[in-house]
Amino acid sequence: MQIDTQSEFGTRAARRLRDEKLGWLVTVRANGTPQPVPVWFLWDGEALLIYSRPGTAKLRNLSGNPQVAFHLDGDGRGGDIVVLTGEARILSDAAPADRVPTYLEKYREGIARIGMTPDSFARAYSLAIRVVPARLEGH
């Protein structure tokens, strides 16, 4: 999905997806309960790249249902809402996080803040998830 950057909303959504460091990935448990989790992400203009530790609930949820939502925090007053819905898949051939320059550029300080190096982060968060949105909503 390409974001229409000709509109004010599309321009703002694309900028936020590029610049913001924290988003919420919502997967669905086997019993149908949505499960939101905060994630670091990289937007490439068409899809999100998210790294995960093995064995997490989000990975179990994705194995049963690849449909997801992803959203950014609003402005605290009910505005600046950005919500993507689409499909996620776990990648078997993705480069590790420490080999993705744009990911490291965005999160190097955060990785250091949690007491890790790029290498130790890539080993701990060794599974990549690609979220391909089908729809963008918000205002």
Protein backbone atom coordinates (compact mmCIF):
# COMPACT_ATOMS: atom_id res chain seq x y z
CA MET A 1 0.00 0.00 0.00
CA GLN A 2 1.29 3.42 -0.90
CA ILE A 3 0.24 6.40 1.19
CA ASP A 4 -1.28 9.25 -0.78
CA THR A 5 1.05 12.07 0.17
CA GLN A 6 -0.95 14.52 -1.91
CA SER A 7 -3.38 14.88 1.01
CA GLU A 8 -2.55 16.65 4.26
CA PHE A 9 -3.43 13.51 6.24
CA GLY A 10 -1.33 11.27 3.99
CA THR A 11 1.67 13.58 4.27
CA ARG A 12 1.36 13.68 8.05
CA ALA A 13 0.85 9.90 8.32
CA ALA A 14 3.90 9.17 6.13
CA ARG A 15 6.05 11.58 8.17
CA ARG A 16 4.93 10.05 11.47
CA LEU A 17 5.53 6.49 10.22
CA ARG A 18 9.01 7.51 9.12
CA ASP A 19 9.96 9.51 12.24
CA GLU A 20 8.16 8.11 15.27
CA LYS A 21 9.95 5.47 17.27
CA LEU A 22 7.13 3.63 19.01
CA GLY A 23 3.97 2.11 17.59
CA TRP A 24 1.40 -0.44 18.70
CA LEU A 25 1.07 -3.78 16.94
CA VAL A 26 -2.28 -5.43 17.58
CA THR A 27 -2.47 -9.18 17.01
CA VAL A 28 -5.40 -11.45 17.87
CA ARG A 29 -5.24 -14.31 20.36
CA ALA A 30 -6.78 -17.70 19.53
CA ASN A 31 -9.82 -16.80 21.65
CA GLY A 32 -10.39 -13.63 19.59
CA THR A 33 -9.02 -11.16 22.13
CA PRO A 34 -6.96 -8.34 20.58
CA GLN A 35 -3.48 -8.04 22.05
CA PRO A 36 -1.73 -4.68 21.58
CA VAL A 37 2.02 -4.49 22.23
CA PRO A 38 4.41 -1.56 21.85
CA VAL A 39 7.03 -2.13 19.15
CA TRP A 40 9.92 -0.43 17.43
CA PHE A 41 9.36 -0.34 13.69
CA LEU A 42 10.81 0.77 10.39
CA TRP A 43 8.51 2.06 7.63
CA ASP A 44 9.92 1.67 4.11
CA GLY A 45 7.08 3.43 2.31
CA GLU A 46 5.15 0.21 1.70
CA ALA A 47 5.48 -2.00 4.78
CA LEU A 48 6.62 -2.10 8.39
CA LEU A 49 9.62 -4.07 9.62
CA ILE A 50 9.45 -5.14 13.28
CA TYR A 51 11.92 -7.31 15.18
CA SER A 52 10.80 -9.67 17.94
CA ARG A 53 12.25 -11.99 20.52
CA PRO A 54 11.41 -15.64 19.76
CA GLY A 55 8.55 -17.23 21.67
CA THR A 56 6.46 -14.11 22.20
CA ALA A 57 2.68 -14.00 22.30
CA LYS A 58 2.59 -11.81 19.18
CA LEU A 59 4.41 -14.51 17.21
CA ARG A 60 2.04 -17.21 18.48
CA ASN A 61 -0.90 -15.01 17.57
CA LEU A 62 0.45 -14.37 14.06
CA SER A 63 0.90 -18.07 13.42
CA GLY A 64 -2.85 -18.50 13.94
CA ASN A 65 -4.08 -15.26 12.38
CA PRO A 66 -1.92 -12.94 10.26
CA GLN A 67 -4.46 -10.07 10.33
CA VAL A 68 -3.12 -7.15 12.37
CA ALA A 69 -3.61 -3.52 13.17
CA PHE A 70 -0.84 -1.04 13.84
CA HIS A 71 -1.32 2.41 15.26
CA LEU A 72 0.59 5.38 16.53
CA ASP A 73 -0.33 7.34 19.63
CA GLY A 74 -2.66 10.28 19.04
CA ASP A 75 -2.07 13.82 20.20
CA GLY A 76 -3.80 13.32 23.57
CA ARG A 77 -6.87 15.28 22.46
CA GLY A 78 -8.37 12.74 20.06
CA GLY A 79 -6.50 13.97 17.00
CA ASP A 80 -3.56 12.97 14.84
CA ILE A 81 -4.79 9.38 14.58
CA VAL A 82 -2.89 6.95 12.31
CA VAL A 83 -4.11 3.34 12.05
CA LEU A 84 -2.93 0.72 9.55
CA THR A 85 -4.65 -2.63 9.07
CA GLY A 86 -3.25 -5.47 7.05
CA GLU A 87 -1.38 -8.73 7.15
CA ALA A 88 1.82 -9.71 8.92
CA ARG A 89 4.21 -12.53 8.28
CA ILE A 90 7.29 -13.76 10.03
CA LEU A 91 10.28 -13.52 7.70
CA SER A 92 12.76 -16.36 7.48
CA ASP A 93 15.22 -14.51 5.24
CA ALA A 94 15.35 -11.02 6.77
CA ALA A 95 18.61 -9.31 7.57
CA PRO A 96 19.27 -9.09 11.31
CA ALA A 97 18.56 -5.71 12.90
CA ASP A 98 22.25 -4.84 13.18
CA ARG A 99 22.62 -5.24 9.40
CA VAL A 100 19.83 -2.79 8.52
CA PRO A 101 21.44 0.67 8.49
CA THR A 102 18.17 2.61 8.58
CA TYR A 103 16.96 0.56 11.57
CA LEU A 104 20.22 1.18 13.43
CA GLU A 105 20.12 4.88 12.59
CA LYS A 106 16.63 5.12 14.07
CA TYR A 107 17.19 2.95 17.16
CA ARG A 108 20.91 3.01 18.03
CA GLU A 109 20.31 5.31 21.03
CA GLY A 110 17.34 3.23 22.21
CA ILE A 111 19.36 0.03 21.93
CA ALA A 112 22.11 1.57 24.08
CA ARG A 113 19.52 2.91 26.55
CA ILE A 114 18.26 -0.64 27.23
CA GLY A 115 21.84 -1.78 27.87
CA MET A 116 22.41 -3.62 24.61
CA THR A 117 24.74 -3.34 21.64
CA PRO A 118 23.47 -3.61 18.06
CA ASP A 119 24.87 -7.15 17.97
CA SER A 120 23.26 -8.28 21.24
CA PHE A 121 19.97 -6.66 20.21
CA ALA A 122 20.03 -8.52 16.87
CA ARG A 123 20.69 -11.81 18.66
CA ALA A 124 17.90 -11.22 21.21
CA TYR A 125 15.36 -9.82 18.73
CA SER A 126 16.20 -12.36 16.07
CA LEU A 127 12.85 -12.73 14.30
CA ALA A 128 11.61 -10.18 11.79
CA ILE A 129 7.96 -9.44 11.08
CA ARG A 130 6.81 -7.67 7.93
CA VAL A 131 3.45 -5.92 8.12
CA VAL A 132 1.93 -5.11 4.74
CA PRO A 133 -0.92 -2.68 5.25
CA ALA A 134 -4.04 -2.85 3.13
CA ARG A 135 -5.70 0.21 4.62
CA LEU A 136 -4.79 3.49 6.31
CA GLU A 137 -7.30 5.29 8.49
CA GLY A 138 -7.19 8.30 10.74
CA HIS A 139 -7.43 12.05 10.85
